[in-house]
Amino acid sequence: MKIVIAEDQGMLRGAISRLLGMEKDIEVIGEADNGEEALEIIQTKGPDIAILDIEMPILSGLEVAEKLHENNHPCRVAIVTTFARSGYLQKAVKAGVQGYLLKETPVSELAESLRKIHSGERVFSPQLTFAFLEKTNPLTKREIEILHCLKAGDSVKVMSQTLYLSEGTIRNYISEIIQKLEARNRIDAVGIAEEKGWL
């Protein structure tokens, strides 16, 4: 199978590339240190699988996965991350990724996961699956609506007019959201909800 590796830490990328290259059935045909470069290599070289770091400059691994998914590109995607965050996992599932693995996974296990992905299976790290199950969304539909308004920069007055609620009710909802998410303020609440994939 032909593999592309996208990871912005050069030493780590080189190590993964060398170790995977020693596997008889794996050929590393390209390396990238940002998402944009990864996307170009995938589109020009047509690998079987792209190993994408979740947080990279220009485009994140998830954004690359989303673009490939939108364009029905045949390249399968394995996201490799240090973050066991449920929101990232939700977004990865939506983007149609076939693998979601932690960076601490030994290369022998990574190679085995790639073989499974290549044969059409989906592989998710057990730690990530537990994180996903543990953190269910505590927000109501109305609270998510209000967070969308906050993200758009709407004032309480504007929200009151668009949602047909009194300004006092809106303020109560906002304080409830901040409390639920253990946020410092409104902006922080929006950031937390986005990070967890609840927005």
C-alpha atoms as a PDB file:
ATOM      1  CA  MET A   1       0.000   0.000   0.000  1.00  0.00           C
ATOM      2  CA  LYS A   2       1.114   3.553  -0.741  1.00  0.00           C
ATOM      3  CA  ILE A   3       1.155   6.006   2.174  1.00  0.00           C
ATOM      4  CA  VAL A   4       1.481   9.784   2.611  1.00  0.00           C
ATOM      5  CA  ILE A   5       2.467  11.149   6.045  1.00  0.00           C
ATOM      6  CA  ALA A   6       1.534  14.684   7.117  1.00  0.00           C
ATOM      7  CA  GLU A   7       3.008  15.816  10.443  1.00  0.00           C
ATOM      8  CA  ASP A   8       4.421  19.250  11.291  1.00  0.00           C
ATOM      9  CA  GLN A   9       7.076  17.878  13.684  1.00  0.00           C
ATOM     10  CA  GLY A  10       9.890  16.936  11.311  1.00  0.00           C
ATOM     11  CA  MET A  11      11.687  14.454  13.577  1.00  0.00           C
ATOM     12  CA  LEU A  12       8.515  12.567  14.416  1.00  0.00           C
ATOM     13  CA  ARG A  13       7.436  12.523  10.752  1.00  0.00           C
ATOM     14  CA  GLY A  14      10.865  11.196   9.704  1.00  0.00           C
ATOM     15  CA  ALA A  15      10.807   8.492  12.382  1.00  0.00           C
ATOM     16  CA  ILE A  16       7.312   7.280  11.437  1.00  0.00           C
ATOM     17  CA  SER A  17       8.258   7.356   7.744  1.00  0.00           C
ATOM     18  CA  ARG A  18      11.460   5.324   8.263  1.00  0.00           C
ATOM     19  CA  LEU A  19       9.822   2.731  10.507  1.00  0.00           C
ATOM     20  CA  LEU A  20       6.765   2.264   8.294  1.00  0.00           C
ATOM     21  CA  GLY A  21       9.045   2.118   5.232  1.00  0.00           C
ATOM     22  CA  MET A  22      10.691  -0.980   6.758  1.00  0.00           C
ATOM     23  CA  GLU A  23       7.389  -2.872   6.510  1.00  0.00           C
ATOM     24  CA  LYS A  24       7.403  -5.043   3.368  1.00  0.00           C
ATOM     25  CA  ASP A  25       3.888  -4.080   2.246  1.00  0.00           C
ATOM     26  CA  ILE A  26       4.115  -0.317   2.960  1.00  0.00           C
ATOM     27  CA  GLU A  27       5.668   2.322   0.701  1.00  0.00           C
ATOM     28  CA  VAL A  28       5.872   5.944   1.872  1.00  0.00           C
ATOM     29  CA  ILE A  29       5.420   8.013  -1.304  1.00  0.00           C
ATOM     30  CA  GLY A  30       5.189  11.489   0.207  1.00  0.00           C
ATOM     31  CA  GLU A  31       5.667  13.597   3.335  1.00  0.00           C
ATOM     32  CA  ALA A  32       4.178  16.986   4.253  1.00  0.00           C
ATOM     33  CA  ASP A  33       4.582  19.399   7.163  1.00  0.00           C
ATOM     34  CA  ASN A  34       1.252  21.205   6.695  1.00  0.00           C
ATOM     35  CA  GLY A  35      -2.272  20.364   5.590  1.00  0.00           C
ATOM     36  CA  GLU A  36      -2.180  22.276   2.318  1.00  0.00           C
ATOM     37  CA  GLU A  37       0.958  20.464   1.151  1.00  0.00           C
ATOM     38  CA  ALA A  38      -0.590  17.151   2.249  1.00  0.00           C
ATOM     39  CA  LEU A  39      -3.685  17.806   0.149  1.00  0.00           C
ATOM     40  CA  GLU A  40      -1.551  18.608  -2.930  1.00  0.00           C
ATOM     41  CA  ILE A  41       0.508  15.408  -2.533  1.00  0.00           C
ATOM     42  CA  ILE A  42      -2.639  13.289  -2.059  1.00  0.00           C
ATOM     43  CA  GLN A  43      -4.228  14.810  -5.179  1.00  0.00           C
ATOM     44  CA  THR A  44      -1.118  14.391  -7.359  1.00  0.00           C
ATOM     45  CA  LYS A  45       0.296  11.064  -6.122  1.00  0.00           C
ATOM     46  CA  GLY A  46      -2.946   9.218  -5.265  1.00  0.00           C
ATOM     47  CA  PRO A  47      -1.887   7.270  -2.149  1.00  0.00           C
ATOM     48  CA  ASP A  48      -4.016   4.486  -0.673  1.00  0.00           C
ATOM     49  CA  ILE A  49      -3.902   6.018   2.815  1.00  0.00           C
ATOM     50  CA  ALA A  50      -2.974   9.428   4.239  1.00  0.00           C
ATOM     51  CA  ILE A  51      -1.749   9.598   7.842  1.00  0.00           C
ATOM     52  CA  LEU A  52      -2.697  13.093   9.010  1.00  0.00           C
ATOM     53  CA  ASP A  53      -1.766  14.894  12.214  1.00  0.00           C
ATOM     54  CA  ILE A  54      -4.858  16.618  13.594  1.00  0.00           C
ATOM     55  CA  GLU A  55      -3.193  19.982  14.315  1.00  0.00           C
ATOM     56  CA  MET A  56      -1.066  21.324  11.462  1.00  0.00           C
ATOM     57  CA  PRO A  57      -0.399  24.754   9.939  1.00  0.00           C
ATOM     58  CA  ILE A  58      -2.600  26.160   7.122  1.00  0.00           C
ATOM     59  CA  LEU A  59      -5.059  23.227   7.081  1.00  0.00           C
ATOM     60  CA  SER A  60      -5.633  20.834   9.987  1.00  0.00           C
ATOM     61  CA  GLY A  61      -5.785  17.082   9.437  1.00  0.00           C
ATOM     62  CA  LEU A  62      -9.556  17.251   9.921  1.00  0.00           C
ATOM     63  CA  GLU A  63      -9.902  19.986   7.284  1.00  0.00           C
ATOM     64  CA  VAL A  64      -7.895  17.878   4.806  1.00  0.00           C
ATOM     65  CA  ALA A  65     -10.114  14.866   5.625  1.00  0.00           C
ATOM     66  CA  GLU A  66     -13.250  16.992   5.126  1.00  0.00           C
ATOM     67  CA  LYS A  67     -12.039  18.227   1.713  1.00  0.00           C
ATOM     68  CA  LEU A  68     -11.219  14.686   0.547  1.00  0.00           C
ATOM     69  CA  HIS A  69     -14.623  13.505   1.788  1.00  0.00           C
ATOM     70  CA  GLU A  70     -16.449  16.355  -0.011  1.00  0.00           C
ATOM     71  CA  ASN A  71     -14.663  15.486  -3.274  1.00  0.00           C
ATOM     72  CA  ASN A  72     -15.249  11.721  -2.887  1.00  0.00           C
ATOM     73  CA  HIS A  73     -11.481  11.155  -3.098  1.00  0.00           C
ATOM     74  CA  PRO A  74     -10.623   7.429  -2.841  1.00  0.00           C
ATOM     75  CA  CYS A  75      -7.687   8.019  -0.459  1.00  0.00           C
ATOM     76  CA  ARG A  76      -8.461   6.620   2.992  1.00  0.00           C
ATOM     77  CA  VAL A  77      -7.586   8.773   6.008  1.00  0.00           C
ATOM     78  CA  ALA A  78      -6.001   7.851   9.347  1.00  0.00           C
ATOM     79  CA  ILE A  79      -5.933  10.744  11.817  1.00  0.00           C
ATOM     80  CA  VAL A  80      -3.075  10.532  14.327  1.00  0.00           C
ATOM     81  CA  THR A  81      -3.318  12.795  17.368  1.00  0.00           C
ATOM     82  CA  THR A  82      -2.151  13.418  20.923  1.00  0.00           C
ATOM     83  CA  PHE A  83      -5.659  14.675  21.764  1.00  0.00           C
ATOM     84  CA  ALA A  84      -8.262  12.292  23.180  1.00  0.00           C
ATOM     85  CA  ARG A  85     -10.997  14.909  22.761  1.00  0.00           C
ATOM     86  CA  SER A  86     -14.509  13.719  21.998  1.00  0.00           C
ATOM     87  CA  GLY A  87     -15.261  16.744  19.808  1.00  0.00           C
ATOM     88  CA  TYR A  88     -12.369  15.943  17.483  1.00  0.00           C
ATOM     89  CA  LEU A  89     -13.535  12.336  17.230  1.00  0.00           C
ATOM     90  CA  GLN A  90     -17.078  13.452  16.343  1.00  0.00           C
ATOM     91  CA  LYS A  91     -15.734  15.730  13.604  1.00  0.00           C
ATOM     92  CA  ALA A  92     -13.470  12.965  12.302  1.00  0.00           C
ATOM     93  CA  VAL A  93     -16.405  10.555  12.055  1.00  0.00           C
ATOM     94  CA  LYS A  94     -18.416  13.206  10.169  1.00  0.00           C
ATOM     95  CA  ALA A  95     -15.471  13.708   7.800  1.00  0.00           C
ATOM     96  CA  GLY A  96     -15.540   9.983   7.005  1.00  0.00           C
ATOM     97  CA  VAL A  97     -12.086   9.096   8.341  1.00  0.00           C
ATOM     98  CA  GLN A  98     -11.236   5.393   8.494  1.00  0.00           C
ATOM     99  CA  GLY A  99      -8.798   5.596  11.396  1.00  0.00           C
ATOM    100  CA  TYR A 100      -8.364   7.724  14.514  1.00  0.00           C
ATOM    101  CA  LEU A 101      -5.269   6.792  16.522  1.00  0.00           C
ATOM    102  CA  LEU A 102      -3.114   8.214  19.289  1.00  0.00           C
ATOM    103  CA  LYS A 103       0.478   9.254  18.492  1.00  0.00           C
ATOM    104  CA  GLU A 104       1.781   7.072  21.305  1.00  0.00           C
ATOM    105  CA  THR A 105       0.630   3.975  19.356  1.00  0.00           C
ATOM    106  CA  PRO A 106       3.698   1.775  18.609  1.00  0.00           C
ATOM    107  CA  VAL A 107       4.626   1.745  14.905  1.00  0.00           C
ATOM    108  CA  SER A 108       3.996  -2.027  14.692  1.00  0.00           C
ATOM    109  CA  GLU A 109       0.391  -1.369  15.848  1.00  0.00           C
ATOM    110  CA  LEU A 110       0.104   1.599  13.483  1.00  0.00           C
ATOM    111  CA  ALA A 111       1.200  -0.635  10.577  1.00  0.00           C
ATOM    112  CA  GLU A 112      -1.388  -3.251  11.579  1.00  0.00           C
ATOM    113  CA  SER A 113      -4.083  -0.551  11.789  1.00  0.00           C
ATOM    114  CA  LEU A 114      -3.115   0.677   8.304  1.00  0.00           C
ATOM    115  CA  ARG A 115      -3.520  -2.857   6.937  1.00  0.00           C
ATOM    116  CA  LYS A 116      -7.014  -3.035   8.447  1.00  0.00           C
ATOM    117  CA  ILE A 117      -7.898   0.389   7.010  1.00  0.00           C
ATOM    118  CA  HIS A 118      -6.534  -0.670   3.616  1.00  0.00           C
ATOM    119  CA  SER A 119      -8.792  -3.734   3.671  1.00  0.00           C
ATOM    120  CA  GLY A 120     -11.839  -1.534   4.332  1.00  0.00           C
ATOM    121  CA  GLU A 121     -12.109  -1.647   8.129  1.00  0.00           C
ATOM    122  CA  ARG A 122     -12.365   1.374  10.424  1.00  0.00           C
ATOM    123  CA  VAL A 123      -9.929   1.573  13.333  1.00  0.00           C
ATOM    124  CA  PHE A 124     -10.399   3.806  16.381  1.00  0.00           C
ATOM    125  CA  SER A 125      -8.114   3.900  19.416  1.00  0.00           C
ATOM    126  CA  PRO A 126      -9.965   2.492  22.483  1.00  0.00           C
ATOM    127  CA  GLN A 127      -8.867   5.470  24.657  1.00  0.00           C
ATOM    128  CA  LEU A 128     -10.481   7.853  22.158  1.00  0.00           C
ATOM    129  CA  THR A 129     -13.690   5.858  22.059  1.00  0.00           C
ATOM    130  CA  PHE A 130     -13.937   6.003  25.875  1.00  0.00           C
ATOM    131  CA  ALA A 131     -13.374   9.770  25.817  1.00  0.00           C
ATOM    132  CA  PHE A 132     -16.153  10.024  23.228  1.00  0.00           C
ATOM    133  CA  LEU A 133     -18.593   8.016  25.355  1.00  0.00           C
ATOM    134  CA  GLU A 134     -17.761   9.876  28.564  1.00  0.00           C
ATOM    135  CA  LYS A 135     -18.425  13.358  27.252  1.00  0.00           C
ATOM    136  CA  THR A 136     -21.966  13.574  26.010  1.00  0.00           C
ATOM    137  CA  ASN A 137     -23.335  16.965  25.059  1.00  0.00           C
ATOM    138  CA  PRO A 138     -25.004  18.615  28.100  1.00  0.00           C
ATOM    139  CA  LEU A 139     -26.509  21.479  26.066  1.00  0.00           C
ATOM    140  CA  THR A 140     -30.163  21.730  25.061  1.00  0.00           C
ATOM    141  CA  LYS A 141     -31.251  22.606  21.520  1.00  0.00           C
ATOM    142  CA  ARG A 142     -32.136  26.151  22.659  1.00  0.00           C
ATOM    143  CA  GLU A 143     -28.723  26.613  24.348  1.00  0.00           C
ATOM    144  CA  ILE A 144     -26.970  25.541  21.139  1.00  0.00           C
ATOM    145  CA  GLU A 145     -29.099  28.098  19.226  1.00  0.00           C
ATOM    146  CA  ILE A 146     -27.968  30.812  21.644  1.00  0.00           C
ATOM    147  CA  LEU A 147     -24.319  29.738  21.301  1.00  0.00           C
ATOM    148  CA  HIS A 148     -24.646  30.057  17.509  1.00  0.00           C
ATOM    149  CA  CYS A 149     -25.944  33.607  18.035  1.00  0.00           C
ATOM    150  CA  LEU A 150     -23.063  34.391  20.420  1.00  0.00           C
ATOM    151  CA  LYS A 151     -20.596  33.039  17.862  1.00  0.00           C
ATOM    152  CA  ALA A 152     -22.124  35.341  15.226  1.00  0.00           C
ATOM    153  CA  GLY A 153     -21.602  38.272  17.631  1.00  0.00           C
ATOM    154  CA  ASP A 154     -25.310  38.968  18.227  1.00  0.00           C
ATOM    155  CA  SER A 155     -26.225  41.139  21.210  1.00  0.00           C
ATOM    156  CA  VAL A 156     -28.811  40.069  23.820  1.00  0.00           C
ATOM    157  CA  LYS A 157     -31.225  42.544  22.215  1.00  0.00           C
ATOM    158  CA  VAL A 158     -30.785  41.035  18.728  1.00  0.00           C
ATOM    159  CA  MET A 159     -31.137  37.494  20.130  1.00  0.00           C
ATOM    160  CA  SER A 160     -34.307  38.546  21.923  1.00  0.00           C
ATOM    161  CA  GLN A 161     -35.808  39.677  18.590  1.00  0.00           C
ATOM    162  CA  THR A 162     -34.678  36.681  16.523  1.00  0.00           C
ATOM    163  CA  LEU A 163     -35.508  33.980  19.098  1.00  0.00           C
ATOM    164  CA  TYR A 164     -38.691  35.650  20.419  1.00  0.00           C
ATOM    165  CA  LEU A 165     -37.499  35.487  24.018  1.00  0.00           C
ATOM    166  CA  SER A 166     -37.206  38.248  26.612  1.00  0.00           C
ATOM    167  CA  GLU A 167     -33.758  39.726  27.232  1.00  0.00           C
ATOM    168  CA  GLY A 168     -33.894  38.395  30.812  1.00  0.00           C
ATOM    169  CA  THR A 169     -34.546  34.852  29.547  1.00  0.00           C
ATOM    170  CA  ILE A 170     -31.638  35.120  27.099  1.00  0.00           C
ATOM    171  CA  ARG A 171     -29.321  36.248  29.935  1.00  0.00           C
ATOM    172  CA  ASN A 172     -30.494  33.306  32.062  1.00  0.00           C
ATOM    173  CA  TYR A 173     -29.727  30.905  29.211  1.00  0.00           C
ATOM    174  CA  ILE A 174     -26.259  32.434  28.748  1.00  0.00           C
ATOM    175  CA  SER A 175     -25.372  32.113  32.440  1.00  0.00           C
ATOM    176  CA  GLU A 176     -26.663  28.505  32.410  1.00  0.00           C
ATOM    177  CA  ILE A 177     -24.473  27.723  29.357  1.00  0.00           C
ATOM    178  CA  ILE A 178     -21.399  29.278  31.003  1.00  0.00           C
ATOM    179  CA  GLN A 179     -22.058  27.244  34.159  1.00  0.00           C
ATOM    180  CA  LYS A 180     -22.597  23.957  32.270  1.00  0.00           C
ATOM    181  CA  LEU A 181     -19.418  24.363  30.237  1.00  0.00           C
ATOM    182  CA  GLU A 182     -17.411  25.729  33.200  1.00  0.00           C
ATOM    183  CA  ALA A 183     -16.452  28.623  30.938  1.00  0.00           C
ATOM    184  CA  ARG A 184     -14.937  31.955  31.997  1.00  0.00           C
ATOM    185  CA  ASN A 185     -17.227  34.031  29.778  1.00  0.00           C
ATOM    186  CA  ARG A 186     -19.380  33.939  26.607  1.00  0.00           C
ATOM    187  CA  ILE A 187     -16.432  33.777  24.186  1.00  0.00           C
ATOM    188  CA  ASP A 188     -14.857  30.957  26.204  1.00  0.00           C
ATOM    189  CA  ALA A 189     -18.206  29.087  26.163  1.00  0.00           C
ATOM    190  CA  VAL A 190     -18.345  29.275  22.344  1.00  0.00           C
ATOM    191  CA  GLY A 191     -14.725  28.042  22.132  1.00  0.00           C
ATOM    192  CA  ILE A 192     -15.353  25.085  24.473  1.00  0.00           C
ATOM    193  CA  ALA A 193     -18.526  24.024  22.614  1.00  0.00           C
ATOM    194  CA  GLU A 194     -16.717  24.217  19.251  1.00  0.00           C
ATOM    195  CA  GLU A 195     -13.706  22.260  20.502  1.00  0.00           C
ATOM    196  CA  LYS A 196     -15.961  19.478  21.794  1.00  0.00           C
ATOM    197  CA  GLY A 197     -17.887  19.365  18.502  1.00  0.00           C
ATOM    198  CA  TRP A 198     -21.165  20.463  20.098  1.00  0.00           C
ATOM    199  CA  LEU A 199     -21.575  23.554  17.931  1.00  0.00           C
END
